[in-house]
Amino acid sequence: MLNNFSISERKVAIIGAGFVGASIAYALTIRKLAREIVLIDIHEEKTIGEALDIQHGIPDMGISSVKAGNYEDCKDCDLIIITAGRNRKPGETRLDLIAGNSAILKNVVDQMKPHYTKGVIMIVSNPVEVVKATIVGEHGDAQIPIWSRVSIAGVPIQEYCENVGLRWGENIRKDISDKVREMGATIIKGKGRTHYGIATCVCYLAEAVLNQRLTIAPVSTMFQGEYGIEDVCLSVPSIIGVNGVEKRLEERWAEEEFLAFRQAAEKMRNVLKTL
């Protein structure tokens, strides 16, 4: 655990200094969440350039020391963020990346392990969905919006729409779900990659860890019997704090939402069997 709230003792390592890793370092610096931020990547010259660009571009907006380093710098970190992996290409699903990126992740963990002493490890694979509703399951084609839990100022969304004269129904829910599901592909088609949205979400979660400020957000962790599911990682609302995920919340959903969630779990198990 962190000893206190002083930024002077916070250290963060970011493994992977591509667009995602560099954007995260920049966001953490702007938010003044750590005193020392270390970028680690096999492309040493590029990593040095990214660190220098961030460090010298914000002298009046941040107080973090941003530098290029190596796996030895993972020692005594309060937070280690792993972003290493190849980007999704136009036309690919997120699951198309699983074989190649799992091998990359194994290599990263093997190199980090001898130097790990403490701290929360956060693996970044995709951003949290940009909607005001909880998205659970697999971040991709099998993601499930939990409409039964959506409310506006505490009023269930169906009731709210009826009160203010707004249309609400299955067609509208499907249209929103499709747009959220396709958002990543739309961005990739336009600019070739996503990284700003990812950096923003990581910064939000990092603040919960580094500032010891409990936050509830949907993140993916290994299930241990919750919702009747074990031995597979899926995203559900979780309490996040200084120790990372403190607890996975078990909510009451509509039966069709539970069914879709169990189907997402089975889909993920089948994908894992291919590795």
C-alpha atoms as a PDB file:
ATOM      1  CA  MET A   1       0.000   0.000   0.000  1.00  0.00           C
ATOM      2  CA  LEU A   2       1.005   3.634  -0.399  1.00  0.00           C
ATOM      3  CA  ASN A   3       2.342   5.155   2.784  1.00  0.00           C
ATOM      4  CA  ASN A   4       0.649   8.528   2.283  1.00  0.00           C
ATOM      5  CA  PHE A   5      -0.933  10.781  -0.280  1.00  0.00           C
ATOM      6  CA  SER A   6       2.265  12.685  -1.103  1.00  0.00           C
ATOM      7  CA  ILE A   7       3.027  12.799  -4.807  1.00  0.00           C
ATOM      8  CA  SER A   8       6.754  12.929  -3.951  1.00  0.00           C
ATOM      9  CA  GLU A   9       6.749   9.163  -3.289  1.00  0.00           C
ATOM     10  CA  ARG A  10       4.607   7.958  -6.190  1.00  0.00           C
ATOM     11  CA  LYS A  11       6.336   6.041  -8.961  1.00  0.00           C
ATOM     12  CA  VAL A  12       4.692   4.709 -12.111  1.00  0.00           C
ATOM     13  CA  ALA A  13       6.198   2.522 -14.823  1.00  0.00           C
ATOM     14  CA  ILE A  14       4.572   2.295 -18.258  1.00  0.00           C
ATOM     15  CA  ILE A  15       5.647  -0.693 -20.344  1.00  0.00           C
ATOM     16  CA  GLY A  16       5.106   0.102 -24.002  1.00  0.00           C
ATOM     17  CA  ALA A  17       5.882   3.597 -25.284  1.00  0.00           C
ATOM     18  CA  GLY A  18       3.738   3.596 -28.417  1.00  0.00           C
ATOM     19  CA  PHE A  19       0.811   5.945 -28.978  1.00  0.00           C
ATOM     20  CA  VAL A  20      -1.117   4.444 -26.059  1.00  0.00           C
ATOM     21  CA  GLY A  21       1.745   4.379 -23.550  1.00  0.00           C
ATOM     22  CA  ALA A  22       2.967   7.858 -24.429  1.00  0.00           C
ATOM     23  CA  SER A  23      -0.568   9.287 -24.240  1.00  0.00           C
ATOM     24  CA  ILE A  24      -1.007   7.710 -20.798  1.00  0.00           C
ATOM     25  CA  ALA A  25       2.285   9.203 -19.595  1.00  0.00           C
ATOM     26  CA  TYR A  26       1.191  12.604 -20.862  1.00  0.00           C
ATOM     27  CA  ALA A  27      -2.237  12.333 -19.168  1.00  0.00           C
ATOM     28  CA  LEU A  28      -0.702  11.226 -15.838  1.00  0.00           C
ATOM     29  CA  THR A  29       1.724  14.144 -16.000  1.00  0.00           C
ATOM     30  CA  ILE A  30      -1.001  16.690 -16.724  1.00  0.00           C
ATOM     31  CA  ARG A  31      -3.004  15.316 -13.784  1.00  0.00           C
ATOM     32  CA  LYS A  32       0.092  15.414 -11.536  1.00  0.00           C
ATOM     33  CA  LEU A  33      -0.538  11.872 -10.308  1.00  0.00           C
ATOM     34  CA  ALA A  34       3.083  10.763  -9.871  1.00  0.00           C
ATOM     35  CA  ARG A  35       6.487  12.247  -9.149  1.00  0.00           C
ATOM     36  CA  GLU A  36       8.350   9.737 -11.325  1.00  0.00           C
ATOM     37  CA  ILE A  37       7.071   8.186 -14.556  1.00  0.00           C
ATOM     38  CA  VAL A  38       9.272   5.668 -16.366  1.00  0.00           C
ATOM     39  CA  LEU A  39       8.639   4.648 -19.992  1.00  0.00           C
ATOM     40  CA  ILE A  40       9.910   1.176 -20.939  1.00  0.00           C
ATOM     41  CA  ASP A  41      10.044  -0.080 -24.522  1.00  0.00           C
ATOM     42  CA  ILE A  42      12.339  -2.137 -26.777  1.00  0.00           C
ATOM     43  CA  HIS A  43      12.621   0.869 -29.092  1.00  0.00           C
ATOM     44  CA  GLU A  44      15.003   2.800 -26.866  1.00  0.00           C
ATOM     45  CA  GLU A  45      15.581   5.844 -29.076  1.00  0.00           C
ATOM     46  CA  LYS A  46      11.863   6.436 -29.613  1.00  0.00           C
ATOM     47  CA  THR A  47      11.196   5.985 -25.901  1.00  0.00           C
ATOM     48  CA  ILE A  48      13.789   8.625 -25.026  1.00  0.00           C
ATOM     49  CA  GLY A  49      12.183  10.962 -27.545  1.00  0.00           C
ATOM     50  CA  GLU A  50       8.702  10.443 -26.100  1.00  0.00           C
ATOM     51  CA  ALA A  51       9.951  11.065 -22.557  1.00  0.00           C
ATOM     52  CA  LEU A  52      11.804  14.218 -23.558  1.00  0.00           C
ATOM     53  CA  ASP A  53       8.821  15.526 -25.516  1.00  0.00           C
ATOM     54  CA  ILE A  54       6.509  15.128 -22.516  1.00  0.00           C
ATOM     55  CA  GLN A  55       9.039  16.401 -19.985  1.00  0.00           C
ATOM     56  CA  HIS A  56       9.984  19.540 -21.892  1.00  0.00           C
ATOM     57  CA  GLY A  57       6.545  20.281 -23.274  1.00  0.00           C
ATOM     58  CA  ILE A  58       4.790  20.908 -19.944  1.00  0.00           C
ATOM     59  CA  PRO A  59       7.149  22.822 -17.605  1.00  0.00           C
ATOM     60  CA  ASP A  60       4.267  24.929 -16.261  1.00  0.00           C
ATOM     61  CA  MET A  61       1.576  22.216 -16.198  1.00  0.00           C
ATOM     62  CA  GLY A  62       3.143  19.231 -14.417  1.00  0.00           C
ATOM     63  CA  ILE A  63       5.749  18.329 -11.833  1.00  0.00           C
ATOM     64  CA  SER A  64       6.466  14.744 -12.849  1.00  0.00           C
ATOM     65  CA  SER A  65       9.887  13.482 -13.846  1.00  0.00           C
ATOM     66  CA  VAL A  66       9.368  11.542 -17.084  1.00  0.00           C
ATOM     67  CA  LYS A  67      12.226   9.388 -18.321  1.00  0.00           C
ATOM     68  CA  ALA A  68      13.052   6.375 -20.445  1.00  0.00           C
ATOM     69  CA  GLY A  69      14.103   3.317 -18.463  1.00  0.00           C
ATOM     70  CA  ASN A  70      14.230  -0.469 -18.414  1.00  0.00           C
ATOM     71  CA  TYR A  71      12.623  -3.341 -16.525  1.00  0.00           C
ATOM     72  CA  GLU A  72      14.834  -2.745 -13.495  1.00  0.00           C
ATOM     73  CA  ASP A  73      12.862   0.477 -12.987  1.00  0.00           C
ATOM     74  CA  CYS A  74       9.773  -1.599 -12.133  1.00  0.00           C
ATOM     75  CA  LYS A  75      11.251  -1.939  -8.644  1.00  0.00           C
ATOM     76  CA  ASP A  76       9.299  -0.082  -5.945  1.00  0.00           C
ATOM     77  CA  CYS A  77       6.581   1.176  -8.298  1.00  0.00           C
ATOM     78  CA  ASP A  78       3.169   2.054  -6.924  1.00  0.00           C
ATOM     79  CA  LEU A  79       1.590   1.313 -10.304  1.00  0.00           C
ATOM     80  CA  ILE A  80       2.833  -0.610 -13.357  1.00  0.00           C
ATOM     81  CA  ILE A  81       0.840  -0.077 -16.550  1.00  0.00           C
ATOM     82  CA  ILE A  82       1.364  -2.584 -19.360  1.00  0.00           C
ATOM     83  CA  THR A  83       0.378  -1.348 -22.826  1.00  0.00           C
ATOM     84  CA  ALA A  84       2.706  -3.502 -24.953  1.00  0.00           C
ATOM     85  CA  GLY A  85       1.042  -5.198 -27.909  1.00  0.00           C
ATOM     86  CA  ARG A  86       0.215  -4.619 -31.546  1.00  0.00           C
ATOM     87  CA  ASN A  87      -2.633  -2.385 -32.641  1.00  0.00           C
ATOM     88  CA  ARG A  88      -5.898  -3.585 -34.110  1.00  0.00           C
ATOM     89  CA  LYS A  89      -6.018  -3.167 -37.887  1.00  0.00           C
ATOM     90  CA  PRO A  90      -9.071  -2.089 -39.909  1.00  0.00           C
ATOM     91  CA  GLY A  91     -11.434  -5.039 -40.303  1.00  0.00           C
ATOM     92  CA  GLU A  92     -10.059  -6.957 -37.285  1.00  0.00           C
ATOM     93  CA  THR A  93     -12.012  -7.764 -34.153  1.00  0.00           C
ATOM     94  CA  ARG A  94     -10.395  -7.361 -30.752  1.00  0.00           C
ATOM     95  CA  LEU A  95     -10.319 -11.130 -30.370  1.00  0.00           C
ATOM     96  CA  ASP A  96      -8.164 -11.374 -33.513  1.00  0.00           C
ATOM     97  CA  LEU A  97      -5.323  -9.907 -31.434  1.00  0.00           C
ATOM     98  CA  ILE A  98      -5.411 -12.447 -28.638  1.00  0.00           C
ATOM     99  CA  ALA A  99      -2.795 -14.943 -29.863  1.00  0.00           C
ATOM    100  CA  GLY A 100      -0.083 -12.434 -30.768  1.00  0.00           C
ATOM    101  CA  ASN A 101      -0.639 -10.120 -27.825  1.00  0.00           C
ATOM    102  CA  SER A 102      -0.757 -12.954 -25.279  1.00  0.00           C
ATOM    103  CA  ALA A 103       2.756 -13.952 -26.399  1.00  0.00           C
ATOM    104  CA  ILE A 104       3.933 -10.348 -26.101  1.00  0.00           C
ATOM    105  CA  LEU A 105       2.399 -10.082 -22.625  1.00  0.00           C
ATOM    106  CA  LYS A 106       4.091 -13.290 -21.466  1.00  0.00           C
ATOM    107  CA  ASN A 107       7.448 -11.894 -22.591  1.00  0.00           C
ATOM    108  CA  VAL A 108       6.799  -8.632 -20.743  1.00  0.00           C
ATOM    109  CA  VAL A 109       5.834 -10.423 -17.520  1.00  0.00           C
ATOM    110  CA  ASP A 110       8.896 -12.701 -17.698  1.00  0.00           C
ATOM    111  CA  GLN A 111      11.195  -9.667 -17.949  1.00  0.00           C
ATOM    112  CA  MET A 112       9.364  -7.667 -15.286  1.00  0.00           C
ATOM    113  CA  LYS A 113       9.035 -10.448 -12.714  1.00  0.00           C
ATOM    114  CA  PRO A 114      12.630 -10.422 -11.357  1.00  0.00           C
ATOM    115  CA  HIS A 115      12.336  -6.706 -10.561  1.00  0.00           C
ATOM    116  CA  TYR A 116       8.791  -6.559  -9.191  1.00  0.00           C
ATOM    117  CA  THR A 117       8.628  -5.640  -5.495  1.00  0.00           C
ATOM    118  CA  LYS A 118       5.204  -4.042  -5.030  1.00  0.00           C
ATOM    119  CA  GLY A 119       2.446  -2.097  -6.683  1.00  0.00           C
ATOM    120  CA  VAL A 120      -0.724  -2.586  -8.699  1.00  0.00           C
ATOM    121  CA  ILE A 121      -0.328  -4.036 -12.205  1.00  0.00           C
ATOM    122  CA  MET A 122      -2.791  -2.656 -14.763  1.00  0.00           C
ATOM    123  CA  ILE A 123      -3.002  -4.282 -18.196  1.00  0.00           C
ATOM    124  CA  VAL A 124      -4.403  -1.992 -20.874  1.00  0.00           C
ATOM    125  CA  SER A 125      -6.087  -3.758 -23.784  1.00  0.00           C
ATOM    126  CA  ASN A 126      -8.934  -1.425 -24.761  1.00  0.00           C
ATOM    127  CA  PRO A 127     -10.671   1.707 -23.371  1.00  0.00           C
ATOM    128  CA  VAL A 128     -13.740   1.602 -21.169  1.00  0.00           C
ATOM    129  CA  GLU A 129     -16.882   2.184 -23.226  1.00  0.00           C
ATOM    130  CA  VAL A 130     -17.822   5.841 -23.666  1.00  0.00           C
ATOM    131  CA  VAL A 131     -21.481   5.603 -22.618  1.00  0.00           C
ATOM    132  CA  LYS A 132     -23.336   6.463 -19.428  1.00  0.00           C
ATOM    133  CA  ALA A 133     -24.280   2.833 -18.882  1.00  0.00           C
ATOM    134  CA  THR A 134     -22.356  -0.140 -17.568  1.00  0.00           C
ATOM    135  CA  ILE A 135     -20.864  -2.336 -20.279  1.00  0.00           C
ATOM    136  CA  VAL A 136     -19.966  -5.859 -19.126  1.00  0.00           C
ATOM    137  CA  GLY A 137     -18.568  -9.039 -20.606  1.00  0.00           C
ATOM    138  CA  GLU A 138     -15.975  -9.024 -23.386  1.00  0.00           C
ATOM    139  CA  HIS A 139     -14.876  -5.653 -24.762  1.00  0.00           C
ATOM    140  CA  GLY A 140     -15.903  -6.320 -28.351  1.00  0.00           C
ATOM    141  CA  ASP A 141     -18.679  -8.101 -30.220  1.00  0.00           C
ATOM    142  CA  ALA A 142     -19.914  -9.855 -27.053  1.00  0.00           C
ATOM    143  CA  GLN A 143     -20.151  -6.772 -24.857  1.00  0.00           C
ATOM    144  CA  ILE A 144     -23.445  -6.286 -23.031  1.00  0.00           C
ATOM    145  CA  PRO A 145     -24.978  -2.954 -21.997  1.00  0.00           C
ATOM    146  CA  ILE A 146     -26.890  -3.366 -18.725  1.00  0.00           C
ATOM    147  CA  TRP A 147     -29.952  -1.307 -19.604  1.00  0.00           C
ATOM    148  CA  SER A 148     -31.840  -2.527 -16.541  1.00  0.00           C
ATOM    149  CA  ARG A 149     -29.451  -0.518 -14.342  1.00  0.00           C
ATOM    150  CA  VAL A 150     -29.437   2.733 -16.356  1.00  0.00           C
ATOM    151  CA  SER A 151     -30.928   5.758 -14.626  1.00  0.00           C
ATOM    152  CA  ILE A 152     -30.818   9.538 -14.937  1.00  0.00           C
ATOM    153  CA  ALA A 153     -30.466  11.402 -11.639  1.00  0.00           C
ATOM    154  CA  GLY A 154     -31.671   8.234  -9.901  1.00  0.00           C
ATOM    155  CA  VAL A 155     -34.773   7.854 -12.123  1.00  0.00           C
ATOM    156  CA  PRO A 156     -34.942   4.638 -14.237  1.00  0.00           C
ATOM    157  CA  ILE A 157     -34.372   5.616 -17.862  1.00  0.00           C
ATOM    158  CA  GLN A 158     -37.724   4.241 -19.072  1.00  0.00           C
ATOM    159  CA  GLU A 159     -39.569   6.292 -16.465  1.00  0.00           C
ATOM    160  CA  TYR A 160     -37.454   9.363 -17.163  1.00  0.00           C
ATOM    161  CA  CYS A 161     -38.140   9.242 -20.917  1.00  0.00           C
ATOM    162  CA  GLU A 162     -41.873   8.882 -20.297  1.00  0.00           C
ATOM    163  CA  ASN A 163     -41.820  11.894 -17.960  1.00  0.00           C
ATOM    164  CA  VAL A 164     -40.013  14.209 -20.393  1.00  0.00           C
ATOM    165  CA  GLY A 165     -41.622  12.921 -23.576  1.00  0.00           C
ATOM    166  CA  LEU A 166     -38.600  11.192 -25.096  1.00  0.00           C
ATOM    167  CA  ARG A 167     -38.810   8.059 -27.222  1.00  0.00           C
ATOM    168  CA  TRP A 168     -37.304   4.929 -25.658  1.00  0.00           C
ATOM    169  CA  GLY A 169     -37.523   1.327 -26.740  1.00  0.00           C
ATOM    170  CA  GLU A 170     -35.766  -1.697 -28.193  1.00  0.00           C
ATOM    171  CA  ASN A 171     -34.855   0.008 -31.491  1.00  0.00           C
ATOM    172  CA  ILE A 172     -33.219   2.934 -29.709  1.00  0.00           C
ATOM    173  CA  ARG A 173     -31.339   0.623 -27.341  1.00  0.00           C
ATOM    174  CA  LYS A 174     -30.085  -1.452 -30.282  1.00  0.00           C
ATOM    175  CA  ASP A 175     -28.951   1.654 -32.169  1.00  0.00           C
ATOM    176  CA  ILE A 176     -26.955   2.889 -29.159  1.00  0.00           C
ATOM    177  CA  SER A 177     -25.471  -0.578 -28.533  1.00  0.00           C
ATOM    178  CA  ASP A 178     -24.387  -0.909 -32.175  1.00  0.00           C
ATOM    179  CA  LYS A 179     -22.740   2.520 -32.196  1.00  0.00           C
ATOM    180  CA  VAL A 180     -20.805   1.742 -29.001  1.00  0.00           C
ATOM    181  CA  ARG A 181     -19.738  -1.669 -30.305  1.00  0.00           C
ATOM    182  CA  GLU A 182     -18.519  -0.187 -33.586  1.00  0.00           C
ATOM    183  CA  MET A 183     -16.908   2.960 -32.154  1.00  0.00           C
ATOM    184  CA  GLY A 184     -13.395   1.512 -31.943  1.00  0.00           C
ATOM    185  CA  ALA A 185     -13.532   0.277 -35.539  1.00  0.00           C
ATOM    186  CA  THR A 186     -14.854   3.661 -36.683  1.00  0.00           C
ATOM    187  CA  ILE A 187     -11.957   5.496 -35.028  1.00  0.00           C
ATOM    188  CA  ILE A 188      -9.400   3.029 -36.388  1.00  0.00           C
ATOM    189  CA  LYS A 189     -10.821   3.406 -39.885  1.00  0.00           C
ATOM    190  CA  GLY A 190     -10.456   7.169 -39.625  1.00  0.00           C
ATOM    191  CA  LYS A 191      -7.025   7.543 -38.000  1.00  0.00           C
ATOM    192  CA  GLY A 192      -5.508   4.067 -37.787  1.00  0.00           C
ATOM    193  CA  ARG A 193      -5.431   3.739 -34.003  1.00  0.00           C
ATOM    194  CA  THR A 194      -7.087   4.693 -30.712  1.00  0.00           C
ATOM    195  CA  HIS A 195      -5.099   6.143 -27.828  1.00  0.00           C
ATOM    196  CA  TYR A 196      -6.557   9.371 -26.365  1.00  0.00           C
ATOM    197  CA  GLY A 197      -9.692   7.667 -25.035  1.00  0.00           C
ATOM    198  CA  ILE A 198      -7.569   4.865 -23.593  1.00  0.00           C
ATOM    199  CA  ALA A 199      -5.242   7.334 -21.867  1.00  0.00           C
ATOM    200  CA  THR A 200      -8.171   9.183 -20.306  1.00  0.00           C
ATOM    201  CA  CYS A 201      -9.669   5.980 -18.897  1.00  0.00           C
ATOM    202  CA  VAL A 202      -6.318   4.737 -17.570  1.00  0.00           C
ATOM    203  CA  CYS A 203      -5.718   8.099 -15.896  1.00  0.00           C
ATOM    204  CA  TYR A 204      -9.118   7.837 -14.190  1.00  0.00           C
ATOM    205  CA  LEU A 205      -8.298   4.367 -12.841  1.00  0.00           C
ATOM    206  CA  ALA A 206      -4.734   5.362 -11.906  1.00  0.00           C
ATOM    207  CA  GLU A 207      -6.070   8.171  -9.752  1.00  0.00           C
ATOM    208  CA  ALA A 208      -8.122   5.652  -7.758  1.00  0.00           C
ATOM    209  CA  VAL A 209      -4.954   3.640  -7.075  1.00  0.00           C
ATOM    210  CA  LEU A 210      -2.468   6.449  -6.483  1.00  0.00           C
ATOM    211  CA  ASN A 211      -4.767   8.760  -4.517  1.00  0.00           C
ATOM    212  CA  GLN A 212      -6.327   5.910  -2.514  1.00  0.00           C
ATOM    213  CA  ARG A 213      -9.720   7.125  -3.701  1.00  0.00           C
ATOM    214  CA  LEU A 214     -12.211   4.261  -4.043  1.00  0.00           C
ATOM    215  CA  THR A 215     -13.863   4.279  -7.446  1.00  0.00           C
ATOM    216  CA  ILE A 216     -16.403   1.986  -9.103  1.00  0.00           C
ATOM    217  CA  ALA A 217     -15.728   1.215 -12.766  1.00  0.00           C
ATOM    218  CA  PRO A 218     -16.139  -1.757 -15.131  1.00  0.00           C
ATOM    219  CA  VAL A 219     -12.768  -3.515 -15.450  1.00  0.00           C
ATOM    220  CA  SER A 220     -11.782  -7.040 -16.426  1.00  0.00           C
ATOM    221  CA  THR A 221     -10.416  -9.455 -13.804  1.00  0.00           C
ATOM    222  CA  MET A 222     -10.432 -13.207 -13.119  1.00  0.00           C
ATOM    223  CA  PHE A 223     -13.782 -14.431 -11.801  1.00  0.00           C
ATOM    224  CA  GLN A 224     -13.811 -16.613  -8.706  1.00  0.00           C
ATOM    225  CA  GLY A 225     -17.424 -17.761  -8.593  1.00  0.00           C
ATOM    226  CA  GLU A 226     -19.178 -14.424  -9.030  1.00  0.00           C
ATOM    227  CA  TYR A 227     -22.294 -14.738 -11.205  1.00  0.00           C
ATOM    228  CA  GLY A 228     -21.621 -18.501 -11.160  1.00  0.00           C
ATOM    229  CA  ILE A 229     -18.517 -18.047 -13.354  1.00  0.00           C
ATOM    230  CA  GLU A 230     -14.932 -19.116 -12.657  1.00  0.00           C
ATOM    231  CA  ASP A 231     -11.512 -19.120 -14.337  1.00  0.00           C
ATOM    232  CA  VAL A 232     -12.238 -16.520 -17.006  1.00  0.00           C
ATOM    233  CA  CYS A 233     -11.641 -12.763 -17.122  1.00  0.00           C
ATOM    234  CA  LEU A 234     -14.639 -10.564 -17.892  1.00  0.00           C
ATOM    235  CA  SER A 235     -15.537  -6.970 -17.230  1.00  0.00           C
ATOM    236  CA  VAL A 236     -17.990  -6.075 -14.462  1.00  0.00           C
ATOM    237  CA  PRO A 237     -18.403  -3.050 -12.164  1.00  0.00           C
ATOM    238  CA  SER A 238     -15.657  -3.327  -9.547  1.00  0.00           C
ATOM    239  CA  ILE A 239     -14.408  -1.352  -6.566  1.00  0.00           C
ATOM    240  CA  ILE A 240     -10.936  -0.011  -7.419  1.00  0.00           C
ATOM    241  CA  GLY A 241      -8.541   1.350  -4.822  1.00  0.00           C
ATOM    242  CA  VAL A 242      -4.953   1.302  -3.656  1.00  0.00           C
ATOM    243  CA  ASN A 243      -4.731  -2.482  -4.089  1.00  0.00           C
ATOM    244  CA  GLY A 244      -6.244  -2.444  -7.565  1.00  0.00           C
ATOM    245  CA  VAL A 245      -9.545  -4.305  -7.813  1.00  0.00           C
ATOM    246  CA  GLU A 246     -10.766  -4.583  -4.227  1.00  0.00           C
ATOM    247  CA  LYS A 247     -14.055  -6.328  -5.036  1.00  0.00           C
ATOM    248  CA  ARG A 248     -16.167  -7.369  -8.035  1.00  0.00           C
ATOM    249  CA  LEU A 249     -19.762  -6.230  -7.543  1.00  0.00           C
ATOM    250  CA  GLU A 250     -22.596  -8.674  -8.155  1.00  0.00           C
ATOM    251  CA  GLU A 251     -25.529  -6.673  -9.436  1.00  0.00           C
ATOM    252  CA  ARG A 252     -29.110  -7.641 -10.148  1.00  0.00           C
ATOM    253  CA  TRP A 253     -29.673  -7.660 -13.905  1.00  0.00           C
ATOM    254  CA  ALA A 254     -32.517  -8.629 -16.184  1.00  0.00           C
ATOM    255  CA  GLU A 255     -32.590 -12.337 -17.055  1.00  0.00           C
ATOM    256  CA  GLU A 256     -31.711 -11.709 -20.720  1.00  0.00           C
ATOM    257  CA  GLU A 257     -28.665  -9.708 -19.575  1.00  0.00           C
ATOM    258  CA  PHE A 258     -27.501 -12.585 -17.377  1.00  0.00           C
ATOM    259  CA  LEU A 259     -27.951 -14.969 -20.298  1.00  0.00           C
ATOM    260  CA  ALA A 260     -25.897 -12.768 -22.643  1.00  0.00           C
ATOM    261  CA  PHE A 261     -23.206 -12.457 -19.963  1.00  0.00           C
ATOM    262  CA  ARG A 262     -22.934 -16.234 -19.521  1.00  0.00           C
ATOM    263  CA  GLN A 263     -22.702 -16.590 -23.299  1.00  0.00           C
ATOM    264  CA  ALA A 264     -19.852 -14.055 -23.318  1.00  0.00           C
ATOM    265  CA  ALA A 265     -18.059 -16.123 -20.665  1.00  0.00           C
ATOM    266  CA  GLU A 266     -18.416 -19.295 -22.737  1.00  0.00           C
ATOM    267  CA  LYS A 267     -17.205 -17.462 -25.846  1.00  0.00           C
ATOM    268  CA  MET A 268     -14.111 -16.303 -23.974  1.00  0.00           C
ATOM    269  CA  ARG A 269     -13.394 -19.835 -22.704  1.00  0.00           C
ATOM    270  CA  ASN A 270     -13.547 -21.137 -26.273  1.00  0.00           C
ATOM    271  CA  VAL A 271     -11.124 -18.442 -27.431  1.00  0.00           C
ATOM    272  CA  LEU A 272      -8.704 -19.281 -24.627  1.00  0.00           C
ATOM    273  CA  LYS A 273      -8.706 -22.927 -25.700  1.00  0.00           C
ATOM    274  CA  THR A 274      -7.184 -21.863 -29.039  1.00  0.00           C
ATOM    275  CA  LEU A 275      -4.051 -20.419 -27.407  1.00  0.00           C
END
